[in-house]
Amino acid sequence: MNCSKCGMLLKENAKFCSGCGTPVPVIQPGNNTCSNCGTILLPDAKFCPSCGKPVVLKKDNICPNCNKPIIPGTKFCAYCGNAINSSNTNCPKCNAPLKSGAKFCGVCGTAISQSANICRNCGQPLSPNTKFCGKCGTSVNN
């Protein structure tokens, strides 16, 4: 792993960078790290400060309301306060996150069907006679 400030290679279990003195963040599940060099990234990072590679966040790590990065497992976005639900509904056409109760997709304008052909919880298309969503496990009949 490299220092997020100066790029120096960090010793295993280091608490501070020996090059610049920057505290080394503790790696926890949900920390975004550079896929190229392993440097822990700041929440708003667009590029890795060590190797310069552009940061690509997983869709699951983005707030559907403000598009800022979130730590997986958090219940609210630290930037806008939006409630984060791991089973947000997505548009069946463009897969954009939908606000609760939306009748149309705010990105592509697709009418959101509340029929049994689409899971009401996650937006996954459902086959006829399906009793539970294969993606999120929600009962289709409730």
C-alpha atoms as a PDB file:
ATOM      1  CA  MET A   1       0.000   0.000   0.000  1.00  0.00           C
ATOM      2  CA  ASN A   2       1.189   3.535  -0.766  1.00  0.00           C
ATOM      3  CA  CYS A   3       0.815   6.793   1.155  1.00  0.00           C
ATOM      4  CA  SER A   4      -2.205   8.753  -0.064  1.00  0.00           C
ATOM      5  CA  LYS A   5      -0.272  12.035   0.263  1.00  0.00           C
ATOM      6  CA  CYS A   6       3.262  11.407  -1.059  1.00  0.00           C
ATOM      7  CA  GLY A   7       2.955   7.994  -2.726  1.00  0.00           C
ATOM      8  CA  MET A   8       5.744   6.352  -0.707  1.00  0.00           C
ATOM      9  CA  LEU A   9       5.439   2.609  -0.204  1.00  0.00           C
ATOM     10  CA  LEU A  10       4.226   2.012   3.358  1.00  0.00           C
ATOM     11  CA  LYS A  11       5.631  -0.640   5.637  1.00  0.00           C
ATOM     12  CA  GLU A  12       3.185  -3.293   6.792  1.00  0.00           C
ATOM     13  CA  ASN A  13       1.302  -2.194   9.951  1.00  0.00           C
ATOM     14  CA  ALA A  14       2.726   1.361   9.678  1.00  0.00           C
ATOM     15  CA  LYS A  15       0.741   3.984  11.593  1.00  0.00           C
ATOM     16  CA  PHE A  16       2.446   6.943   9.841  1.00  0.00           C
ATOM     17  CA  CYS A  17       4.187   7.410   6.491  1.00  0.00           C
ATOM     18  CA  SER A  18       7.973   7.436   7.003  1.00  0.00           C
ATOM     19  CA  GLY A  19       8.320   9.898   4.117  1.00  0.00           C
ATOM     20  CA  CYS A  20       5.867  12.662   5.007  1.00  0.00           C
ATOM     21  CA  GLY A  21       4.404  11.722   8.407  1.00  0.00           C
ATOM     22  CA  THR A  22       0.821  11.393   7.172  1.00  0.00           C
ATOM     23  CA  PRO A  23      -1.252   9.061   9.378  1.00  0.00           C
ATOM     24  CA  VAL A  24      -2.055   5.791   7.622  1.00  0.00           C
ATOM     25  CA  PRO A  25      -5.810   5.141   7.583  1.00  0.00           C
ATOM     26  CA  VAL A  26      -6.975   1.811   8.918  1.00  0.00           C
ATOM     27  CA  ILE A  27      -8.245  -0.408   6.133  1.00  0.00           C
ATOM     28  CA  GLN A  28     -11.820  -1.392   6.883  1.00  0.00           C
ATOM     29  CA  PRO A  29     -14.475  -3.047   4.783  1.00  0.00           C
ATOM     30  CA  GLY A  30     -15.990  -0.288   2.695  1.00  0.00           C
ATOM     31  CA  ASN A  31     -12.801   1.769   2.300  1.00  0.00           C
ATOM     32  CA  ASN A  32     -12.277   2.540  -1.355  1.00  0.00           C
ATOM     33  CA  THR A  33      -8.813   1.587  -2.488  1.00  0.00           C
ATOM     34  CA  CYS A  34      -7.069   2.153  -5.791  1.00  0.00           C
ATOM     35  CA  SER A  35      -7.445  -0.907  -7.985  1.00  0.00           C
ATOM     36  CA  ASN A  36      -3.960  -0.257  -9.395  1.00  0.00           C
ATOM     37  CA  CYS A  37      -1.720   0.364  -6.362  1.00  0.00           C
ATOM     38  CA  GLY A  38      -3.890  -0.286  -3.280  1.00  0.00           C
ATOM     39  CA  THR A  39      -3.735   3.243  -1.842  1.00  0.00           C
ATOM     40  CA  ILE A  40      -6.719   4.096   0.387  1.00  0.00           C
ATOM     41  CA  LEU A  41      -8.692   6.808  -1.380  1.00  0.00           C
ATOM     42  CA  LEU A  42     -10.417   9.826   0.103  1.00  0.00           C
ATOM     43  CA  PRO A  43     -14.219   9.782  -0.365  1.00  0.00           C
ATOM     44  CA  ASP A  44     -14.214  12.518  -3.053  1.00  0.00           C
ATOM     45  CA  ALA A  45     -11.097  11.320  -4.907  1.00  0.00           C
ATOM     46  CA  LYS A  46     -11.349  11.440  -8.693  1.00  0.00           C
ATOM     47  CA  PHE A  47      -7.784  10.164  -9.200  1.00  0.00           C
ATOM     48  CA  CYS A  48      -5.435   8.095  -7.053  1.00  0.00           C
ATOM     49  CA  PRO A  49      -2.960  10.474  -5.371  1.00  0.00           C
ATOM     50  CA  SER A  50      -0.209   7.847  -5.612  1.00  0.00           C
ATOM     51  CA  CYS A  51      -0.389   6.483  -9.157  1.00  0.00           C
ATOM     52  CA  GLY A  52      -2.811   8.896 -10.866  1.00  0.00           C
ATOM     53  CA  LYS A  53      -5.247   6.232 -12.028  1.00  0.00           C
ATOM     54  CA  PRO A  54      -8.850   7.533 -12.357  1.00  0.00           C
ATOM     55  CA  VAL A  55     -11.102   6.325  -9.548  1.00  0.00           C
ATOM     56  CA  VAL A  56     -14.032   4.194 -10.653  1.00  0.00           C
ATOM     57  CA  LEU A  57     -16.534   3.657  -7.855  1.00  0.00           C
ATOM     58  CA  LYS A  58     -18.857   0.693  -7.829  1.00  0.00           C
ATOM     59  CA  LYS A  59     -22.470   1.651  -8.388  1.00  0.00           C
ATOM     60  CA  ASP A  60     -23.289   0.248  -4.950  1.00  0.00           C
ATOM     61  CA  ASN A  61     -20.922   2.820  -3.413  1.00  0.00           C
ATOM     62  CA  ILE A  62     -22.740   5.856  -4.856  1.00  0.00           C
ATOM     63  CA  CYS A  63     -25.642   7.726  -3.221  1.00  0.00           C
ATOM     64  CA  PRO A  64     -28.635   7.508  -5.586  1.00  0.00           C
ATOM     65  CA  ASN A  65     -29.713  11.014  -4.540  1.00  0.00           C
ATOM     66  CA  CYS A  66     -26.536  13.144  -4.811  1.00  0.00           C
ATOM     67  CA  ASN A  67     -24.116  10.768  -6.618  1.00  0.00           C
ATOM     68  CA  LYS A  68     -21.462  11.196  -3.899  1.00  0.00           C
ATOM     69  CA  PRO A  69     -19.472   8.205  -2.629  1.00  0.00           C
ATOM     70  CA  ILE A  70     -20.856   6.262   0.330  1.00  0.00           C
ATOM     71  CA  ILE A  71     -19.359   3.574   2.522  1.00  0.00           C
ATOM     72  CA  PRO A  72     -21.184   0.274   1.989  1.00  0.00           C
ATOM     73  CA  GLY A  73     -23.411  -0.610   4.907  1.00  0.00           C
ATOM     74  CA  THR A  74     -24.115   2.979   5.955  1.00  0.00           C
ATOM     75  CA  LYS A  75     -27.738   3.897   6.501  1.00  0.00           C
ATOM     76  CA  PHE A  76     -27.516   7.575   5.467  1.00  0.00           C
ATOM     77  CA  CYS A  77     -25.431   9.536   2.955  1.00  0.00           C
ATOM     78  CA  ALA A  78     -22.860  11.717   4.758  1.00  0.00           C
ATOM     79  CA  TYR A  79     -23.318  14.469   2.141  1.00  0.00           C
ATOM     80  CA  CYS A  80     -27.079  14.824   1.645  1.00  0.00           C
ATOM     81  CA  GLY A  81     -28.583  12.723   4.459  1.00  0.00           C
ATOM     82  CA  ASN A  82     -30.501  10.508   2.024  1.00  0.00           C
ATOM     83  CA  ALA A  83     -31.514   7.172   3.545  1.00  0.00           C
ATOM     84  CA  ILE A  84     -29.432   4.465   1.910  1.00  0.00           C
ATOM     85  CA  ASN A  85     -31.264   1.229   1.332  1.00  0.00           C
ATOM     86  CA  SER A  86     -29.303  -1.698  -0.095  1.00  0.00           C
ATOM     87  CA  SER A  87     -32.398  -2.750  -1.986  1.00  0.00           C
ATOM     88  CA  ASN A  88     -33.125   0.526  -3.798  1.00  0.00           C
ATOM     89  CA  THR A  89     -35.385   0.104  -6.801  1.00  0.00           C
ATOM     90  CA  ASN A  90     -33.786   0.670 -10.190  1.00  0.00           C
ATOM     91  CA  CYS A  91     -35.347   1.546 -13.530  1.00  0.00           C
ATOM     92  CA  PRO A  92     -35.970  -1.643 -15.531  1.00  0.00           C
ATOM     93  CA  LYS A  93     -34.838   0.102 -18.750  1.00  0.00           C
ATOM     94  CA  CYS A  94     -31.738   2.174 -17.849  1.00  0.00           C
ATOM     95  CA  ASN A  95     -31.024   0.778 -14.336  1.00  0.00           C
ATOM     96  CA  ALA A  96     -30.914   4.287 -12.800  1.00  0.00           C
ATOM     97  CA  PRO A  97     -31.837   4.425  -9.089  1.00  0.00           C
ATOM     98  CA  LEU A  98     -35.474   5.358  -8.495  1.00  0.00           C
ATOM     99  CA  LYS A  99     -36.842   7.357  -5.603  1.00  0.00           C
ATOM    100  CA  SER A 100     -39.366   5.527  -3.466  1.00  0.00           C
ATOM    101  CA  GLY A 101     -42.831   5.614  -5.035  1.00  0.00           C
ATOM    102  CA  ALA A 102     -41.606   7.007  -8.378  1.00  0.00           C
ATOM    103  CA  LYS A 103     -44.056   6.539 -11.236  1.00  0.00           C
ATOM    104  CA  PHE A 104     -41.485   7.490 -13.917  1.00  0.00           C
ATOM    105  CA  CYS A 105     -37.708   7.210 -14.193  1.00  0.00           C
ATOM    106  CA  GLY A 106     -36.067  10.612 -13.711  1.00  0.00           C
ATOM    107  CA  VAL A 107     -33.282   9.690 -16.168  1.00  0.00           C
ATOM    108  CA  CYS A 108     -34.967   8.042 -19.161  1.00  0.00           C
ATOM    109  CA  GLY A 109     -38.662   8.794 -18.487  1.00  0.00           C
ATOM    110  CA  THR A 110     -39.774   5.159 -18.507  1.00  0.00           C
ATOM    111  CA  ALA A 111     -43.089   4.572 -16.742  1.00  0.00           C
ATOM    112  CA  ILE A 112     -42.477   2.426 -13.689  1.00  0.00           C
ATOM    113  CA  SER A 113     -44.886  -0.488 -13.648  1.00  0.00           C
ATOM    114  CA  GLN A 114     -46.044  -1.782 -10.298  1.00  0.00           C
ATOM    115  CA  SER A 115     -47.055  -5.051 -11.934  1.00  0.00           C
ATOM    116  CA  ALA A 116     -45.906  -8.504 -10.929  1.00  0.00           C
ATOM    117  CA  ASN A 117     -43.519  -8.579 -13.937  1.00  0.00           C
ATOM    118  CA  ILE A 118     -41.021  -6.362 -12.102  1.00  0.00           C
ATOM    119  CA  CYS A 119     -39.908  -6.749  -8.491  1.00  0.00           C
ATOM    120  CA  ARG A 120     -41.352  -3.853  -6.506  1.00  0.00           C
ATOM    121  CA  ASN A 121     -38.283  -3.847  -4.269  1.00  0.00           C
ATOM    122  CA  CYS A 122     -35.299  -3.938  -6.645  1.00  0.00           C
ATOM    123  CA  GLY A 123     -36.738  -3.521 -10.162  1.00  0.00           C
ATOM    124  CA  GLN A 124     -35.534  -6.939 -11.328  1.00  0.00           C
ATOM    125  CA  PRO A 125     -37.628  -8.354 -14.218  1.00  0.00           C
ATOM    126  CA  LEU A 126     -39.600 -11.397 -13.045  1.00  0.00           C
ATOM    127  CA  SER A 127     -40.641 -14.507 -14.948  1.00  0.00           C
ATOM    128  CA  PRO A 128     -44.298 -15.593 -14.901  1.00  0.00           C
ATOM    129  CA  ASN A 129     -45.222 -17.745 -11.865  1.00  0.00           C
ATOM    130  CA  THR A 130     -42.239 -16.437  -9.873  1.00  0.00           C
ATOM    131  CA  LYS A 131     -42.957 -16.361  -6.133  1.00  0.00           C
ATOM    132  CA  PHE A 132     -39.754 -14.655  -4.950  1.00  0.00           C
ATOM    133  CA  CYS A 133     -37.362 -12.252  -6.647  1.00  0.00           C
ATOM    134  CA  GLY A 134     -34.137 -14.024  -7.590  1.00  0.00           C
ATOM    135  CA  LYS A 135     -32.090 -10.866  -6.958  1.00  0.00           C
ATOM    136  CA  CYS A 136     -33.313  -9.623  -3.573  1.00  0.00           C
ATOM    137  CA  GLY A 137     -35.619 -12.393  -2.292  1.00  0.00           C
ATOM    138  CA  THR A 138     -38.728 -10.210  -1.977  1.00  0.00           C
ATOM    139  CA  SER A 139     -42.028 -12.099  -2.098  1.00  0.00           C
ATOM    140  CA  VAL A 140     -43.862 -11.284  -5.338  1.00  0.00           C
ATOM    141  CA  ASN A 141     -47.330 -11.930  -3.876  1.00  0.00           C
ATOM    142  CA  ASN A 142     -47.226  -9.413  -1.007  1.00  0.00           C
END
